[in-house]
N, C-alpha and C. Protein backbone atom coordinates (compact mmCIF):
# COMPACT_ATOMS: atom_id res chain seq x y z
N UNK A 1 26.09 -16.92 -13.60
CA UNK A 1 25.47 -17.21 -12.31
C UNK A 1 24.03 -17.64 -12.58
N UNK A 2 23.56 -18.56 -11.78
CA UNK A 2 22.20 -19.04 -11.91
C UNK A 2 21.22 -18.02 -11.35
N UNK A 3 19.98 -18.11 -11.82
CA UNK A 3 18.94 -17.26 -11.25
C UNK A 3 18.76 -17.55 -9.76
N UNK A 4 18.87 -18.81 -9.40
CA UNK A 4 18.71 -19.19 -7.99
C UNK A 4 19.66 -18.40 -7.10
N UNK A 5 20.93 -18.40 -7.45
CA UNK A 5 21.91 -17.66 -6.63
C UNK A 5 21.63 -16.16 -6.65
N UNK A 6 21.26 -15.65 -7.81
CA UNK A 6 20.94 -14.23 -7.94
C UNK A 6 19.75 -13.86 -7.06
N UNK A 7 18.70 -14.66 -7.12
CA UNK A 7 17.49 -14.36 -6.34
C UNK A 7 17.70 -14.58 -4.84
N UNK A 8 18.53 -15.54 -4.48
CA UNK A 8 18.86 -15.71 -3.05
C UNK A 8 19.55 -14.46 -2.52
N UNK A 9 20.47 -13.91 -3.29
CA UNK A 9 21.14 -12.67 -2.89
C UNK A 9 20.14 -11.52 -2.87
N UNK A 10 19.26 -11.46 -3.86
CA UNK A 10 18.24 -10.41 -3.90
C UNK A 10 17.34 -10.45 -2.68
N UNK A 11 16.97 -11.65 -2.25
CA UNK A 11 16.11 -11.79 -1.07
C UNK A 11 16.84 -11.34 0.20
N UNK A 12 18.12 -11.68 0.30
CA UNK A 12 18.90 -11.23 1.46
C UNK A 12 19.07 -9.71 1.45
N UNK A 13 19.31 -9.14 0.26
CA UNK A 13 19.41 -7.68 0.13
C UNK A 13 18.11 -7.02 0.54
N UNK A 14 17.01 -7.57 0.09
CA UNK A 14 15.69 -7.04 0.44
C UNK A 14 15.51 -7.01 1.96
N UNK A 15 15.83 -8.11 2.62
CA UNK A 15 15.69 -8.17 4.07
C UNK A 15 16.63 -7.18 4.76
N UNK A 16 17.85 -7.12 4.30
CA UNK A 16 18.85 -6.20 4.86
C UNK A 16 18.38 -4.76 4.76
N UNK A 17 17.90 -4.38 3.58
CA UNK A 17 17.44 -3.00 3.40
C UNK A 17 16.18 -2.71 4.21
N UNK A 18 15.26 -3.65 4.24
CA UNK A 18 14.05 -3.42 5.03
C UNK A 18 14.37 -3.27 6.51
N UNK A 19 15.31 -4.05 7.00
CA UNK A 19 15.72 -3.91 8.40
C UNK A 19 16.25 -2.51 8.65
N UNK A 20 17.05 -1.99 7.72
CA UNK A 20 17.61 -0.65 7.84
C UNK A 20 16.51 0.42 7.80
N UNK A 21 15.56 0.24 6.89
CA UNK A 21 14.49 1.24 6.76
C UNK A 21 13.59 1.27 8.00
N UNK A 22 13.28 0.11 8.51
CA UNK A 22 12.41 0.07 9.69
C UNK A 22 13.14 0.58 10.93
N UNK A 23 14.45 0.38 11.00
CA UNK A 23 15.24 0.97 12.09
C UNK A 23 15.22 2.49 11.98
N UNK A 24 15.32 3.00 10.76
CA UNK A 24 15.25 4.45 10.55
C UNK A 24 13.86 4.96 10.90
N UNK A 25 12.84 4.22 10.53
CA UNK A 25 11.46 4.64 10.83
C UNK A 25 11.22 4.75 12.33
N UNK A 26 11.90 3.90 13.10
CA UNK A 26 11.74 3.94 14.56
C UNK A 26 12.26 5.24 15.16
N UNK A 27 13.06 6.00 14.39
CA UNK A 27 13.58 7.29 14.86
C UNK A 27 12.57 8.43 14.65
N UNK A 28 11.53 8.16 13.88
CA UNK A 28 10.54 9.20 13.58
C UNK A 28 9.50 9.30 14.68
N UNK A 29 8.97 10.48 14.87
CA UNK A 29 7.80 10.58 15.74
C UNK A 29 6.56 10.27 14.89
N UNK A 30 5.44 10.16 15.52
CA UNK A 30 4.21 9.76 14.85
C UNK A 30 3.84 10.71 13.71
N UNK A 31 4.02 11.99 13.93
CA UNK A 31 3.69 12.97 12.89
C UNK A 31 4.59 12.81 11.67
N UNK A 32 5.88 12.58 11.89
CA UNK A 32 6.80 12.38 10.77
C UNK A 32 6.49 11.09 10.01
N UNK A 33 6.19 10.03 10.75
CA UNK A 33 5.86 8.73 10.17
C UNK A 33 4.69 8.84 9.19
N UNK A 34 3.72 9.68 9.54
CA UNK A 34 2.51 9.81 8.72
C UNK A 34 2.49 11.06 7.85
N UNK A 35 3.50 11.89 7.92
CA UNK A 35 3.50 13.17 7.20
C UNK A 35 3.43 12.97 5.68
N UNK A 36 2.54 13.70 5.06
CA UNK A 36 2.48 13.70 3.60
C UNK A 36 3.63 14.55 3.09
N UNK A 37 4.61 13.87 2.49
CA UNK A 37 5.81 14.55 2.00
C UNK A 37 5.79 14.73 0.49
N UNK A 38 4.63 14.54 -0.12
CA UNK A 38 4.52 14.73 -1.55
C UNK A 38 5.02 13.55 -2.38
N UNK A 39 5.33 12.45 -1.73
CA UNK A 39 5.74 11.24 -2.45
C UNK A 39 4.51 10.61 -3.09
N UNK A 40 4.72 9.63 -3.94
CA UNK A 40 3.62 9.01 -4.65
C UNK A 40 2.54 8.50 -3.70
N UNK A 41 2.94 7.90 -2.59
CA UNK A 41 1.98 7.42 -1.60
C UNK A 41 1.88 8.37 -0.41
N UNK A 42 2.49 9.52 -0.51
CA UNK A 42 2.40 10.54 0.52
C UNK A 42 3.44 10.40 1.60
N UNK A 43 3.25 9.44 2.46
CA UNK A 43 4.08 9.31 3.65
C UNK A 43 5.02 8.11 3.58
N UNK A 44 5.96 8.10 4.52
CA UNK A 44 6.82 6.93 4.68
C UNK A 44 5.96 5.73 5.07
N UNK A 45 5.03 5.93 5.98
CA UNK A 45 4.16 4.85 6.43
C UNK A 45 3.40 4.22 5.27
N UNK A 46 2.77 5.04 4.46
CA UNK A 46 1.96 4.52 3.36
C UNK A 46 2.83 3.86 2.29
N UNK A 47 4.01 4.40 2.05
CA UNK A 47 4.89 3.80 1.05
C UNK A 47 5.36 2.43 1.50
N UNK A 48 5.77 2.31 2.75
CA UNK A 48 6.20 1.00 3.25
C UNK A 48 5.03 0.02 3.30
N UNK A 49 3.85 0.51 3.62
CA UNK A 49 2.68 -0.37 3.62
C UNK A 49 2.36 -0.84 2.20
N UNK A 50 2.50 0.05 1.23
CA UNK A 50 2.26 -0.34 -0.16
C UNK A 50 3.21 -1.45 -0.60
N UNK A 51 4.49 -1.30 -0.28
CA UNK A 51 5.48 -2.31 -0.68
C UNK A 51 5.15 -3.65 -0.04
N UNK A 52 4.81 -3.64 1.24
CA UNK A 52 4.47 -4.88 1.93
C UNK A 52 3.22 -5.52 1.32
N UNK A 53 2.21 -4.72 1.03
CA UNK A 53 0.98 -5.26 0.44
C UNK A 53 1.26 -5.88 -0.92
N UNK A 54 2.03 -5.19 -1.75
CA UNK A 54 2.36 -5.72 -3.08
C UNK A 54 3.17 -7.01 -2.96
N UNK A 55 4.16 -7.02 -2.06
CA UNK A 55 4.97 -8.22 -1.87
C UNK A 55 4.10 -9.39 -1.43
N UNK A 56 3.17 -9.13 -0.54
CA UNK A 56 2.30 -10.19 -0.05
C UNK A 56 1.43 -10.74 -1.18
N UNK A 57 0.89 -9.85 -2.01
CA UNK A 57 0.10 -10.31 -3.16
C UNK A 57 0.93 -11.21 -4.07
N UNK A 58 2.15 -10.78 -4.39
CA UNK A 58 3.00 -11.60 -5.26
C UNK A 58 3.36 -12.92 -4.61
N UNK A 59 3.73 -12.89 -3.34
CA UNK A 59 4.13 -14.12 -2.66
C UNK A 59 2.96 -15.10 -2.57
N UNK A 60 1.75 -14.59 -2.39
CA UNK A 60 0.58 -15.47 -2.36
C UNK A 60 0.33 -16.09 -3.74
N UNK A 61 0.65 -15.36 -4.80
CA UNK A 61 0.53 -15.92 -6.15
C UNK A 61 1.53 -17.05 -6.35
N UNK A 62 2.76 -16.86 -5.90
CA UNK A 62 3.75 -17.93 -5.97
C UNK A 62 3.28 -19.14 -5.15
N UNK A 63 2.76 -18.87 -3.97
CA UNK A 63 2.31 -19.94 -3.08
C UNK A 63 1.16 -20.74 -3.70
N UNK A 64 0.25 -20.05 -4.37
CA UNK A 64 -0.88 -20.74 -5.01
C UNK A 64 -0.40 -21.55 -6.21
N UNK A 65 0.56 -21.04 -6.95
CA UNK A 65 1.05 -21.72 -8.15
C UNK A 65 1.85 -22.97 -7.83
N UNK A 66 2.56 -22.96 -6.70
CA UNK A 66 3.40 -24.09 -6.34
C UNK A 66 3.06 -24.55 -4.92
N UNK A 67 1.93 -25.25 -4.78
CA UNK A 67 1.48 -25.65 -3.43
C UNK A 67 2.42 -26.62 -2.72
N UNK A 68 3.31 -27.27 -3.45
CA UNK A 68 4.22 -28.22 -2.80
C UNK A 68 5.42 -27.54 -2.14
N UNK A 69 5.63 -26.24 -2.39
CA UNK A 69 6.76 -25.54 -1.78
C UNK A 69 6.42 -25.20 -0.33
N UNK A 70 7.08 -25.89 0.59
CA UNK A 70 6.80 -25.67 2.01
C UNK A 70 7.31 -24.32 2.50
N UNK A 71 8.25 -23.73 1.76
CA UNK A 71 8.79 -22.42 2.16
C UNK A 71 7.72 -21.34 2.13
N UNK A 72 6.62 -21.59 1.42
CA UNK A 72 5.57 -20.58 1.29
C UNK A 72 4.36 -20.86 2.19
N UNK A 73 4.50 -21.84 3.10
CA UNK A 73 3.39 -22.14 4.01
C UNK A 73 3.00 -20.93 4.86
N UNK A 74 3.98 -20.17 5.34
CA UNK A 74 3.64 -19.00 6.16
C UNK A 74 2.88 -17.96 5.33
N UNK A 75 3.22 -17.85 4.05
CA UNK A 75 2.53 -16.90 3.17
C UNK A 75 1.08 -17.35 2.96
N UNK A 76 0.89 -18.63 2.80
CA UNK A 76 -0.48 -19.15 2.60
C UNK A 76 -1.38 -18.79 3.77
N UNK A 77 -0.81 -18.71 4.96
CA UNK A 77 -1.60 -18.41 6.16
C UNK A 77 -1.90 -16.92 6.33
N UNK A 78 -1.21 -16.07 5.58
CA UNK A 78 -1.41 -14.62 5.72
C UNK A 78 -2.71 -14.19 5.06
N UNK A 79 -3.37 -13.20 5.65
CA UNK A 79 -4.52 -12.63 4.95
C UNK A 79 -4.04 -11.83 3.73
N UNK A 80 -4.88 -11.75 2.71
CA UNK A 80 -4.54 -10.96 1.53
C UNK A 80 -4.86 -9.51 1.83
N UNK A 81 -3.84 -8.65 1.88
CA UNK A 81 -4.10 -7.24 2.22
C UNK A 81 -4.70 -6.48 1.04
N UNK A 82 -5.35 -5.40 1.36
CA UNK A 82 -5.79 -4.49 0.30
C UNK A 82 -4.55 -3.85 -0.30
N UNK A 83 -4.58 -3.62 -1.60
CA UNK A 83 -3.46 -2.92 -2.22
C UNK A 83 -3.55 -1.45 -1.86
N UNK A 84 -2.47 -0.92 -1.35
CA UNK A 84 -2.44 0.46 -0.87
C UNK A 84 -2.20 1.39 -2.04
N UNK A 85 -3.10 2.33 -2.23
CA UNK A 85 -2.99 3.26 -3.35
C UNK A 85 -2.97 4.72 -2.91
N UNK A 86 -2.89 4.95 -1.64
CA UNK A 86 -2.87 6.32 -1.15
C UNK A 86 -2.40 6.38 0.28
N UNK A 87 -2.52 7.53 0.87
CA UNK A 87 -2.04 7.74 2.23
C UNK A 87 -2.86 6.90 3.21
N UNK A 88 -2.15 6.15 4.03
CA UNK A 88 -2.78 5.36 5.08
C UNK A 88 -2.03 5.62 6.38
N UNK A 89 -2.52 5.07 7.45
CA UNK A 89 -1.94 5.34 8.75
C UNK A 89 -1.64 4.04 9.50
N UNK A 90 -0.79 3.20 8.92
CA UNK A 90 -0.47 1.95 9.61
C UNK A 90 0.41 2.19 10.82
N UNK A 91 0.33 1.25 11.75
CA UNK A 91 1.18 1.30 12.94
C UNK A 91 2.53 0.67 12.60
N UNK A 92 3.60 1.32 12.99
CA UNK A 92 4.95 0.87 12.67
C UNK A 92 5.22 -0.54 13.19
N UNK A 93 4.87 -0.83 14.43
CA UNK A 93 5.19 -2.14 15.01
C UNK A 93 4.52 -3.27 14.23
N UNK A 94 3.26 -3.10 13.87
CA UNK A 94 2.55 -4.14 13.10
C UNK A 94 3.16 -4.30 11.72
N UNK A 95 3.44 -3.17 11.08
CA UNK A 95 4.01 -3.21 9.74
C UNK A 95 5.38 -3.89 9.76
N UNK A 96 6.17 -3.56 10.74
CA UNK A 96 7.52 -4.15 10.86
C UNK A 96 7.43 -5.65 11.07
N UNK A 97 6.54 -6.09 11.93
CA UNK A 97 6.37 -7.52 12.21
C UNK A 97 5.95 -8.25 10.93
N UNK A 98 4.97 -7.71 10.22
CA UNK A 98 4.51 -8.35 8.98
C UNK A 98 5.61 -8.35 7.91
N UNK A 99 6.39 -7.27 7.87
CA UNK A 99 7.49 -7.18 6.91
C UNK A 99 8.51 -8.28 7.17
N UNK A 100 8.82 -8.52 8.44
CA UNK A 100 9.78 -9.56 8.81
C UNK A 100 9.30 -10.94 8.38
N UNK A 101 8.01 -11.20 8.52
CA UNK A 101 7.44 -12.49 8.12
C UNK A 101 7.56 -12.67 6.60
N UNK A 102 7.20 -11.65 5.84
CA UNK A 102 7.26 -11.75 4.38
C UNK A 102 8.71 -11.84 3.90
N UNK A 103 9.61 -11.08 4.52
CA UNK A 103 11.02 -11.17 4.13
C UNK A 103 11.58 -12.56 4.40
N UNK A 104 11.24 -13.15 5.54
CA UNK A 104 11.72 -14.50 5.86
C UNK A 104 11.15 -15.51 4.87
N UNK A 105 9.90 -15.34 4.48
CA UNK A 105 9.29 -16.24 3.50
C UNK A 105 9.95 -16.10 2.14
N UNK A 106 10.31 -14.89 1.77
CA UNK A 106 10.98 -14.66 0.49
C UNK A 106 12.36 -15.32 0.48
N UNK A 107 13.07 -15.23 1.58
CA UNK A 107 14.38 -15.89 1.69
C UNK A 107 14.20 -17.41 1.62
N UNK A 108 13.20 -17.93 2.32
CA UNK A 108 12.96 -19.37 2.29
C UNK A 108 12.55 -19.83 0.89
N UNK A 109 11.73 -19.05 0.22
CA UNK A 109 11.28 -19.39 -1.14
C UNK A 109 12.47 -19.44 -2.10
N UNK A 110 13.31 -18.43 -2.07
CA UNK A 110 14.45 -18.44 -2.99
C UNK A 110 15.44 -19.55 -2.63
N UNK A 111 15.45 -19.97 -1.38
CA UNK A 111 16.29 -21.10 -1.00
C UNK A 111 15.74 -22.42 -1.51
N UNK A 112 14.43 -22.55 -1.55
CA UNK A 112 13.80 -23.80 -1.99
C UNK A 112 13.61 -23.86 -3.50
N UNK A 113 13.38 -22.74 -4.13
CA UNK A 113 13.13 -22.70 -5.57
C UNK A 113 14.38 -23.12 -6.34
N UNK A 114 14.17 -23.55 -7.56
CA UNK A 114 15.27 -23.98 -8.43
C UNK A 114 15.28 -23.13 -9.69
N UNK A 115 16.38 -23.23 -10.42
CA UNK A 115 16.44 -22.55 -11.72
C UNK A 115 15.33 -23.03 -12.63
N UNK A 116 15.01 -24.31 -12.57
CA UNK A 116 13.94 -24.87 -13.40
C UNK A 116 12.59 -24.25 -13.04
N UNK A 117 12.34 -24.03 -11.76
CA UNK A 117 11.08 -23.40 -11.35
C UNK A 117 11.00 -21.98 -11.90
N UNK A 118 12.11 -21.25 -11.87
CA UNK A 118 12.10 -19.87 -12.34
C UNK A 118 11.80 -19.77 -13.83
N UNK A 119 11.99 -20.85 -14.56
CA UNK A 119 11.68 -20.87 -15.99
C UNK A 119 10.22 -21.20 -16.26
N UNK A 120 9.50 -21.72 -15.26
CA UNK A 120 8.10 -22.11 -15.43
C UNK A 120 7.20 -20.87 -15.45
N UNK A 121 6.03 -21.02 -16.06
CA UNK A 121 5.10 -19.90 -16.04
C UNK A 121 4.42 -19.76 -14.68
N UNK A 122 4.29 -18.55 -14.23
CA UNK A 122 3.48 -18.25 -13.06
C UNK A 122 2.11 -17.83 -13.60
N UNK A 123 1.11 -18.61 -13.29
CA UNK A 123 -0.25 -18.31 -13.73
C UNK A 123 -1.00 -17.69 -12.56
N UNK A 124 -1.58 -16.53 -12.81
CA UNK A 124 -2.27 -15.81 -11.73
C UNK A 124 -3.33 -14.88 -12.31
N UNK A 125 -4.19 -14.43 -11.43
CA UNK A 125 -5.19 -13.42 -11.77
C UNK A 125 -4.85 -12.20 -10.94
N UNK A 126 -4.70 -11.06 -11.58
CA UNK A 126 -4.32 -9.85 -10.84
C UNK A 126 -5.52 -9.23 -10.13
N UNK A 127 -5.29 -8.14 -9.44
CA UNK A 127 -6.36 -7.52 -8.64
C UNK A 127 -7.47 -6.92 -9.50
N UNK A 128 -7.21 -6.74 -10.80
CA UNK A 128 -8.24 -6.26 -11.73
C UNK A 128 -9.01 -7.40 -12.37
N UNK A 129 -8.68 -8.64 -11.98
CA UNK A 129 -9.37 -9.80 -12.51
C UNK A 129 -8.83 -10.32 -13.83
N UNK A 130 -7.66 -9.84 -14.24
CA UNK A 130 -7.05 -10.24 -15.51
C UNK A 130 -6.14 -11.44 -15.29
N UNK A 131 -6.26 -12.44 -16.16
CA UNK A 131 -5.42 -13.64 -16.07
C UNK A 131 -4.10 -13.40 -16.79
N UNK A 132 -3.05 -13.94 -16.20
CA UNK A 132 -1.71 -13.82 -16.77
C UNK A 132 -0.95 -15.12 -16.62
N UNK A 133 0.00 -15.34 -17.52
CA UNK A 133 0.98 -16.42 -17.42
C UNK A 133 2.31 -15.82 -17.86
N UNK A 134 3.20 -15.64 -16.88
CA UNK A 134 4.49 -15.00 -17.14
C UNK A 134 5.59 -15.84 -16.53
N UNK A 135 6.81 -15.76 -17.09
CA UNK A 135 7.91 -16.54 -16.51
C UNK A 135 8.13 -16.17 -15.04
N UNK A 136 8.13 -17.17 -14.19
CA UNK A 136 8.28 -16.96 -12.75
C UNK A 136 9.49 -16.10 -12.42
N UNK A 137 10.62 -16.39 -13.02
CA UNK A 137 11.84 -15.64 -12.71
C UNK A 137 11.72 -14.17 -13.04
N UNK A 138 11.09 -13.86 -14.16
CA UNK A 138 10.93 -12.45 -14.51
C UNK A 138 9.95 -11.75 -13.58
N UNK A 139 8.94 -12.47 -13.12
CA UNK A 139 8.01 -11.88 -12.15
C UNK A 139 8.74 -11.61 -10.84
N UNK A 140 9.56 -12.56 -10.40
CA UNK A 140 10.31 -12.33 -9.16
C UNK A 140 11.27 -11.16 -9.34
N UNK A 141 11.87 -11.02 -10.51
CA UNK A 141 12.73 -9.87 -10.79
C UNK A 141 11.92 -8.58 -10.62
N UNK A 142 10.67 -8.58 -11.10
CA UNK A 142 9.80 -7.42 -10.93
C UNK A 142 9.57 -7.12 -9.45
N UNK A 143 9.33 -8.15 -8.65
CA UNK A 143 9.10 -7.96 -7.22
C UNK A 143 10.29 -7.24 -6.60
N UNK A 144 11.48 -7.70 -6.90
CA UNK A 144 12.67 -7.05 -6.35
C UNK A 144 12.82 -5.62 -6.87
N UNK A 145 12.57 -5.41 -8.14
CA UNK A 145 12.68 -4.08 -8.72
C UNK A 145 11.66 -3.12 -8.11
N UNK A 146 10.45 -3.59 -7.89
CA UNK A 146 9.40 -2.77 -7.28
C UNK A 146 9.82 -2.34 -5.87
N UNK A 147 10.36 -3.27 -5.11
CA UNK A 147 10.82 -2.95 -3.76
C UNK A 147 11.91 -1.88 -3.81
N UNK A 148 12.87 -2.08 -4.69
CA UNK A 148 13.99 -1.14 -4.80
C UNK A 148 13.50 0.25 -5.19
N UNK A 149 12.58 0.31 -6.12
CA UNK A 149 12.01 1.59 -6.56
C UNK A 149 11.44 2.37 -5.38
N UNK A 150 10.58 1.71 -4.62
CA UNK A 150 9.93 2.42 -3.52
C UNK A 150 10.86 2.65 -2.33
N UNK A 151 11.80 1.75 -2.10
CA UNK A 151 12.77 2.01 -1.02
C UNK A 151 13.61 3.24 -1.34
N UNK A 152 13.91 3.46 -2.61
CA UNK A 152 14.61 4.68 -3.01
C UNK A 152 13.81 5.92 -2.65
N UNK A 153 12.50 5.85 -2.86
CA UNK A 153 11.65 6.98 -2.48
C UNK A 153 11.70 7.20 -0.96
N UNK A 154 11.63 6.10 -0.22
CA UNK A 154 11.62 6.20 1.24
C UNK A 154 12.93 6.76 1.77
N UNK A 155 14.06 6.35 1.19
CA UNK A 155 15.33 6.91 1.67
C UNK A 155 15.41 8.41 1.42
N UNK A 156 14.80 8.87 0.34
CA UNK A 156 14.73 10.32 0.10
C UNK A 156 13.88 10.99 1.17
N UNK A 157 12.76 10.39 1.52
CA UNK A 157 11.90 10.96 2.57
C UNK A 157 12.62 10.99 3.91
N UNK A 158 13.37 9.93 4.22
CA UNK A 158 14.16 9.94 5.45
C UNK A 158 15.18 11.07 5.43
N UNK A 159 15.83 11.28 4.30
CA UNK A 159 16.84 12.34 4.23
C UNK A 159 16.21 13.71 4.46
N UNK A 160 14.95 13.88 4.09
CA UNK A 160 14.25 15.14 4.34
C UNK A 160 14.08 15.39 5.84
N UNK A 161 14.08 14.31 6.61
CA UNK A 161 13.99 14.43 8.07
C UNK A 161 15.37 14.40 8.72
N UNK A 162 16.42 14.39 7.92
CA UNK A 162 17.78 14.37 8.45
C UNK A 162 18.25 13.01 8.91
N UNK A 163 17.60 11.95 8.44
CA UNK A 163 17.97 10.59 8.83
C UNK A 163 18.70 9.93 7.67
N UNK A 164 19.92 9.48 7.94
CA UNK A 164 20.73 8.78 6.95
C UNK A 164 20.63 7.29 7.23
N UNK A 165 20.10 6.54 6.27
CA UNK A 165 19.97 5.09 6.47
C UNK A 165 21.26 4.35 6.15
N UNK A 166 22.27 5.08 5.73
CA UNK A 166 23.57 4.45 5.45
C UNK A 166 23.63 3.89 4.05
N UNK A 167 24.56 2.98 3.87
CA UNK A 167 24.78 2.36 2.57
C UNK A 167 23.53 1.62 2.13
N UNK A 168 23.12 1.85 0.89
CA UNK A 168 21.96 1.16 0.34
C UNK A 168 22.30 0.36 -0.91
N UNK A 169 23.55 0.37 -1.29
CA UNK A 169 23.96 -0.29 -2.53
C UNK A 169 23.90 -1.80 -2.43
N UNK A 170 23.33 -2.40 -3.46
CA UNK A 170 23.28 -3.86 -3.58
C UNK A 170 24.68 -4.45 -3.50
N UNK A 171 25.66 -3.72 -4.01
CA UNK A 171 27.04 -4.22 -4.04
C UNK A 171 27.58 -4.49 -2.63
N UNK A 172 26.98 -3.89 -1.61
CA UNK A 172 27.45 -4.13 -0.24
C UNK A 172 27.28 -5.59 0.17
N UNK A 173 26.36 -6.30 -0.48
CA UNK A 173 26.12 -7.71 -0.14
C UNK A 173 26.73 -8.68 -1.14
N UNK A 174 27.32 -8.17 -2.20
CA UNK A 174 27.95 -9.06 -3.17
C UNK A 174 29.25 -9.60 -2.55
N UNK A 175 29.36 -10.94 -2.48
CA UNK A 175 30.56 -11.50 -1.83
C UNK A 175 31.82 -11.26 -2.65
N UNK A 176 32.91 -11.11 -1.93
CA UNK A 176 34.22 -10.99 -2.57
C UNK A 176 34.61 -12.35 -3.15
N UNK A 177 35.40 -12.33 -4.20
CA UNK A 177 35.90 -13.58 -4.77
C UNK A 177 37.22 -13.96 -4.16
């Protein structure tokens, strides 16, 4: 299978899971949404905000590296968020709206990108000011892995509140042959 097909499925899985997580978050009251549950970022709110901030940083790097990709125009217009490193108190509605925009841009990007693009170097400067040149496809793989890592933490936090987000397996979106 090509990286393109793999990443297109990964982007759809990302959107599907985020939709499920934000639906679960809507079941929480304000105190639960912000409760420090001992997770790396403390709360469900801060963890979801961290994932969105990291995704936005990466997507803006892709957008800067490939200015001709129209799928990333919406990302170019987004402000660069601060990277979340601790407990914060974001509003669910705003976070959900921004998440939907970034997820749609990720789906559009993987639809427009090619296998050849994924082999090209992504040149960027990280938040510490360090320059990097890494294979685009491997960086995108990291983006998906990072999301999955933190979504796993969030599903555990939801279960502590008695909320079952349902099936989370990637295999649920793998098409039958």
